[in-house]
Amino acid sequence: MLATKSLFWCIVACVSQVATGLALPKPWTFNNNPLLPRHTDKAEAKGFGNGVSLRIMPLGASITYGYKSTDGNGYRKVLMERLVAYGNQVDMVGDHPNGTMKDNATEGWPSYVIDQVHEKAKTAVPEFKPNLILVNVGTNDCRDNASVGEAGGRLASMLDDLYVESAEATVILSTLIVNRDAATRRNVLDFNAQLKDVASSFRSDSKKNKRLVLVDMQADGGPTLDDLSDDGTHPTDAGYRKMADVWFDGIREADRQRYLQQAEAL
């Protein structure tokens, strides 16, 4: 009888231990955001390009610089944090730092048009040899109505030089975001159409055969008019976060295309 009772209480204790979760491992926690690793164990996130170190040059004008964001970081801090969480080491590079983030390097030049950004890139790209260049440029050409019909050609010339100056570079080329000013908005639509043609030519021309991904900042998920600051041109913090999402998605596509290469030695 005593043996039977002892066995009974032993079974009760074991069942209680399982019921309280002490005897079982905790289940995975999943994240519903499709742009992030699906569960919280970072060891499972090996990073894009099999974990290649990303030497990133944000290239453009004031939006790239982070103008009108409360911390000056624009999209860069959010994007960098997500890439690091995903498993990549990130080094932001450029000659015009801005923002509160520790690695605040950028090649963003407020008020510059395409040709001026191109001139800066001629120095900065061979200096830093980035293996990933995020290009958002042309807003000031559109705002100033500066020969917008030929802006696509100026962009193509700059892109050609980027690949010469950093042979291992992958370029993520973005369309321009929305704008509240009607005249600027018309120019933006014109330029974005040219930009898409330039991207198509770079990807389809066997002589170019460049590693380029086009991302659309005016598609679903990009900044909307409600995400613009009081000047109607630059994003708010919420708009910059949306830009970071679009950039991240573009880098994921570059990984899917196996574009990402080891950066050249400096």
Protein backbone atom coordinates (compact mmCIF):
# COMPACT_ATOMS: atom_id res chain seq x y z
CA MET A 1 0.00 0.00 0.00
CA LEU A 2 2.80 2.40 0.96
CA ALA A 3 4.63 1.56 -2.26
CA THR A 4 1.47 2.31 -4.26
CA LYS A 5 1.02 5.71 -2.57
CA SER A 6 4.65 6.62 -3.13
CA LEU A 7 4.35 5.78 -6.82
CA PHE A 8 1.15 7.84 -7.04
CA TRP A 9 2.72 10.96 -5.51
CA CYS A 10 5.80 10.58 -7.69
CA ILE A 11 3.60 10.60 -10.79
CA VAL A 12 1.69 13.65 -9.51
CA ALA A 13 4.94 15.55 -8.95
CA CYS A 14 6.18 14.78 -12.47
CA VAL A 15 2.89 15.82 -14.06
CA SER A 16 2.89 19.06 -12.05
CA GLN A 17 6.41 19.86 -13.18
CA VAL A 18 5.50 19.44 -16.85
CA ALA A 19 2.29 21.47 -16.42
CA THR A 20 4.17 24.42 -14.97
CA GLY A 21 6.55 24.43 -17.92
CA LEU A 22 9.66 23.44 -15.93
CA ALA A 23 10.30 20.28 -17.87
CA LEU A 24 9.78 21.66 -21.39
CA PRO A 25 11.81 24.16 -23.45
CA LYS A 26 10.16 27.46 -24.36
CA PRO A 27 8.72 27.65 -27.88
CA TRP A 28 10.20 29.99 -30.54
CA THR A 29 8.81 33.52 -30.61
CA PHE A 30 7.94 34.62 -34.13
CA ASN A 31 7.94 38.13 -35.57
CA ASN A 32 5.14 39.11 -37.95
CA ASN A 33 7.28 41.64 -39.87
CA PRO A 34 8.30 39.93 -43.15
CA LEU A 35 11.38 42.14 -43.44
CA LEU A 36 12.90 40.81 -40.22
CA PRO A 37 14.17 37.38 -39.16
CA ARG A 38 11.20 35.20 -38.26
CA HIS A 39 12.22 34.33 -34.71
CA THR A 40 14.16 35.99 -31.94
CA ASP A 41 17.25 33.75 -31.93
CA LYS A 42 19.84 35.93 -33.68
CA ALA A 43 22.04 32.91 -34.29
CA GLU A 44 19.54 31.88 -36.96
CA ALA A 45 20.02 35.18 -38.81
CA LYS A 46 23.18 34.68 -40.83
CA GLY A 47 22.97 37.97 -42.65
CA PHE A 48 22.66 38.92 -46.28
CA GLY A 49 25.35 37.64 -48.63
CA ASN A 50 26.21 34.85 -46.19
CA GLY A 51 27.03 37.46 -43.58
CA VAL A 52 29.31 39.61 -45.73
CA SER A 53 30.45 42.83 -44.05
CA LEU A 54 28.60 45.76 -45.60
CA ARG A 55 30.52 48.96 -46.25
CA ILE A 56 27.58 51.20 -47.05
CA MET A 57 27.71 54.63 -48.69
CA PRO A 58 24.42 56.57 -48.54
CA LEU A 59 24.73 58.87 -51.57
CA GLY A 60 22.51 61.83 -52.38
CA ALA A 61 21.43 65.22 -51.09
CA SER A 62 19.53 66.44 -48.01
CA ILE A 63 17.26 63.41 -47.62
CA THR A 64 20.33 61.19 -47.55
CA TYR A 65 21.84 63.62 -45.03
CA GLY A 66 18.81 63.18 -42.76
CA TYR A 67 17.49 66.73 -42.93
CA LYS A 68 14.31 67.33 -40.90
CA SER A 69 14.68 64.13 -38.86
CA THR A 70 14.73 64.95 -35.15
CA ASP A 71 18.08 63.23 -34.55
CA GLY A 72 19.72 63.94 -37.91
CA ASN A 73 20.03 60.22 -38.63
CA GLY A 74 17.32 60.09 -41.29
CA TYR A 75 16.82 56.49 -42.44
CA ARG A 76 20.39 55.40 -41.65
CA LYS A 77 20.20 54.41 -37.98
CA VAL A 78 17.05 52.31 -38.36
CA LEU A 79 18.46 50.59 -41.44
CA MET A 80 21.83 49.92 -39.82
CA GLU A 81 20.23 48.45 -36.69
CA ARG A 82 18.08 46.11 -38.75
CA LEU A 83 21.01 44.91 -40.84
CA VAL A 84 23.11 44.26 -37.73
CA ALA A 85 20.21 42.39 -36.12
CA TYR A 86 19.93 40.33 -39.28
CA GLY A 87 23.55 39.25 -39.01
CA ASN A 88 25.69 41.66 -41.04
CA GLN A 89 28.49 43.87 -39.79
CA VAL A 90 27.90 47.39 -41.10
CA ASP A 91 30.28 50.28 -41.65
CA MET A 92 28.67 53.49 -42.88
CA VAL A 93 31.08 55.54 -45.01
CA GLY A 94 31.19 59.03 -46.49
CA ASP A 95 32.75 62.45 -46.02
CA HIS A 96 29.76 64.39 -44.66
CA PRO A 97 28.69 62.89 -41.30
CA ASN A 98 25.43 63.86 -39.63
CA GLY A 99 23.22 62.68 -36.80
CA THR A 100 23.42 61.34 -33.26
CA MET A 101 24.21 57.75 -34.25
CA LYS A 102 27.75 56.59 -33.50
CA ASP A 103 28.53 55.56 -37.08
CA ASN A 104 27.00 58.64 -38.69
CA ALA A 105 29.01 58.81 -41.92
CA THR A 106 27.11 59.71 -45.05
CA GLU A 107 27.65 61.19 -48.50
CA GLY A 108 24.53 63.35 -48.35
CA TRP A 109 24.90 66.95 -49.51
CA PRO A 110 21.92 69.28 -48.88
CA SER A 111 20.73 71.31 -51.90
CA TYR A 112 23.02 69.47 -54.33
CA VAL A 113 21.79 68.49 -57.78
CA ILE A 114 22.85 65.30 -59.56
CA ASP A 115 26.00 66.71 -61.14
CA GLN A 116 27.22 68.10 -57.81
CA VAL A 117 26.62 64.79 -56.04
CA HIS A 118 28.46 63.10 -58.91
CA GLU A 119 31.50 65.32 -58.33
CA LYS A 120 31.54 64.45 -54.63
CA ALA A 121 31.22 60.75 -55.46
CA LYS A 122 34.27 60.92 -57.73
CA THR A 123 36.35 61.57 -54.61
CA ALA A 124 34.45 59.63 -51.95
CA VAL A 125 33.80 56.35 -53.75
CA PRO A 126 37.46 55.57 -54.59
CA GLU A 127 38.40 56.70 -51.08
CA PHE A 128 36.06 54.30 -49.28
CA LYS A 129 35.43 51.54 -51.88
CA PRO A 130 31.90 50.74 -50.63
CA ASN A 131 30.42 47.38 -51.58
CA LEU A 132 26.89 48.78 -51.19
CA ILE A 133 25.80 52.23 -52.39
CA LEU A 134 22.32 53.59 -51.62
CA VAL A 135 21.47 56.22 -54.23
CA ASN A 136 18.64 58.72 -53.76
CA VAL A 137 19.36 61.78 -55.87
CA GLY A 138 17.52 64.23 -58.13
CA THR A 139 15.05 65.97 -55.82
CA ASN A 140 16.84 69.31 -56.16
CA ASP A 141 16.98 69.02 -59.95
CA CYS A 142 13.19 68.59 -59.84
CA ARG A 143 12.64 71.39 -57.34
CA ASP A 144 14.83 73.81 -59.32
CA ASN A 145 13.40 72.65 -62.67
CA ALA A 146 17.01 72.10 -63.76
CA SER A 147 16.86 70.44 -67.20
CA VAL A 148 14.72 67.64 -65.81
CA GLY A 149 14.30 66.12 -69.27
CA GLU A 150 18.02 65.31 -69.34
CA ALA A 151 18.32 64.29 -65.68
CA GLY A 152 18.23 60.59 -66.50
CA GLY A 153 21.36 60.97 -68.60
CA ARG A 154 23.15 62.74 -65.76
CA LEU A 155 22.16 59.94 -63.41
CA ALA A 156 23.42 57.27 -65.83
CA SER A 157 26.78 59.03 -66.09
CA MET A 158 27.13 59.04 -62.31
CA LEU A 159 26.20 55.36 -62.05
CA ASP A 160 28.80 54.44 -64.66
CA ASP A 161 31.48 56.12 -62.58
CA LEU A 162 30.37 54.44 -59.35
CA TYR A 163 31.14 51.02 -60.82
CA VAL A 164 34.49 52.19 -62.18
CA GLU A 165 35.51 53.65 -58.82
CA SER A 166 34.34 50.67 -56.72
CA ALA A 167 34.34 47.51 -58.82
CA GLU A 168 32.66 45.32 -56.19
CA ALA A 169 29.80 47.72 -55.54
CA THR A 170 26.14 46.83 -55.61
CA VAL A 171 23.91 49.86 -56.15
CA ILE A 172 20.43 50.15 -54.66
CA LEU A 173 18.83 52.92 -56.72
CA SER A 174 15.66 54.50 -55.37
CA THR A 175 12.99 56.55 -57.05
CA LEU A 176 12.27 59.94 -55.51
CA ILE A 177 9.69 60.18 -52.76
CA VAL A 178 6.40 62.09 -53.02
CA ASN A 179 6.34 65.89 -52.86
CA ARG A 180 3.60 68.33 -51.86
CA ASP A 181 4.52 71.04 -54.38
CA ALA A 182 2.57 70.50 -57.61
CA ALA A 183 5.31 71.64 -60.03
CA THR A 184 7.99 69.65 -58.24
CA ARG A 185 5.70 66.64 -58.14
CA ARG A 186 5.28 66.72 -61.93
CA ASN A 187 9.05 66.85 -62.36
CA VAL A 188 9.50 64.01 -59.88
CA LEU A 189 7.15 61.81 -61.88
CA ASP A 190 9.06 62.66 -65.07
CA PHE A 191 12.42 61.95 -63.46
CA ASN A 192 11.24 58.72 -61.84
CA ALA A 193 10.18 57.43 -65.26
CA GLN A 194 13.64 58.26 -66.64
CA LEU A 195 15.28 56.67 -63.61
CA LYS A 196 13.41 53.42 -64.17
CA ASP A 197 14.55 53.38 -67.80
CA VAL A 198 18.15 53.93 -66.68
CA ALA A 199 17.88 51.08 -64.20
CA SER A 200 16.43 48.80 -66.87
CA SER A 201 19.26 49.62 -69.28
CA PHE A 202 21.91 48.88 -66.67
CA ARG A 203 20.35 45.55 -65.84
CA SER A 204 19.68 44.41 -69.41
CA ASP A 205 22.76 45.66 -71.27
CA SER A 206 25.28 42.81 -71.42
CA LYS A 207 28.09 45.35 -71.77
CA LYS A 208 27.11 46.94 -68.49
CA ASN A 209 25.89 43.86 -66.59
CA LYS A 210 25.94 45.79 -63.35
CA ARG A 211 24.75 44.76 -59.91
CA LEU A 212 21.81 47.14 -59.52
CA VAL A 213 18.49 46.90 -57.69
CA LEU A 214 15.71 49.45 -58.22
CA VAL A 215 13.46 50.28 -55.27
CA ASP A 216 10.31 52.37 -55.56
CA MET A 217 9.85 54.88 -52.74
CA GLN A 218 6.36 55.72 -54.02
CA ALA A 219 5.05 52.15 -53.93
CA ASP A 220 3.09 50.72 -51.01
CA GLY A 221 5.21 50.97 -47.89
CA GLY A 222 7.11 54.09 -48.92
CA PRO A 223 6.59 57.57 -47.45
CA THR A 224 3.23 59.20 -48.21
CA LEU A 225 2.28 62.88 -48.22
CA ASP A 226 1.31 62.47 -44.57
CA ASP A 227 4.90 61.42 -43.82
CA LEU A 228 6.40 64.71 -45.06
CA SER A 229 7.61 67.52 -42.83
CA ASP A 230 6.32 71.07 -42.98
CA ASP A 231 8.43 71.90 -46.05
CA GLY A 232 6.59 69.31 -48.15
CA THR A 233 9.81 67.72 -49.38
CA HIS A 234 11.68 66.02 -46.55
CA PRO A 235 10.32 63.11 -44.53
CA THR A 236 9.39 63.15 -40.88
CA ASP A 237 10.88 60.50 -38.61
CA ALA A 238 8.01 58.20 -39.60
CA GLY A 239 8.76 58.80 -43.27
CA TYR A 240 12.43 58.04 -42.78
CA ARG A 241 11.53 54.77 -41.05
CA LYS A 242 9.51 53.83 -44.11
CA MET A 243 12.48 54.64 -46.32
CA ALA A 244 14.61 52.33 -44.17
CA ASP A 245 12.07 49.55 -44.78
CA VAL A 246 12.27 50.05 -48.55
CA TRP A 247 16.09 50.08 -48.51
CA PHE A 248 16.12 46.90 -46.43
CA ASP A 249 13.82 45.21 -48.92
CA GLY A 250 16.13 46.29 -51.75
CA ILE A 251 19.16 44.82 -49.99
CA ARG A 252 17.23 41.61 -49.50
CA GLU A 253 16.61 41.52 -53.27
CA ALA A 254 20.32 42.12 -53.91
CA ASP A 255 21.03 39.13 -51.71
CA ARG A 256 18.48 37.03 -53.61
CA GLN A 257 20.24 37.97 -56.86
CA ARG A 258 23.61 37.08 -55.26
CA TYR A 259 24.92 40.55 -55.98
CA LEU A 260 26.59 41.28 -52.64
CA GLN A 261 30.38 41.01 -52.79
CA GLN A 262 33.20 41.38 -50.31
CA ALA A 263 34.39 44.99 -50.17
CA GLU A 264 37.75 45.81 -51.69
CA ALA A 265 40.67 46.28 -49.30
CA LEU A 266 41.51 49.88 -48.50
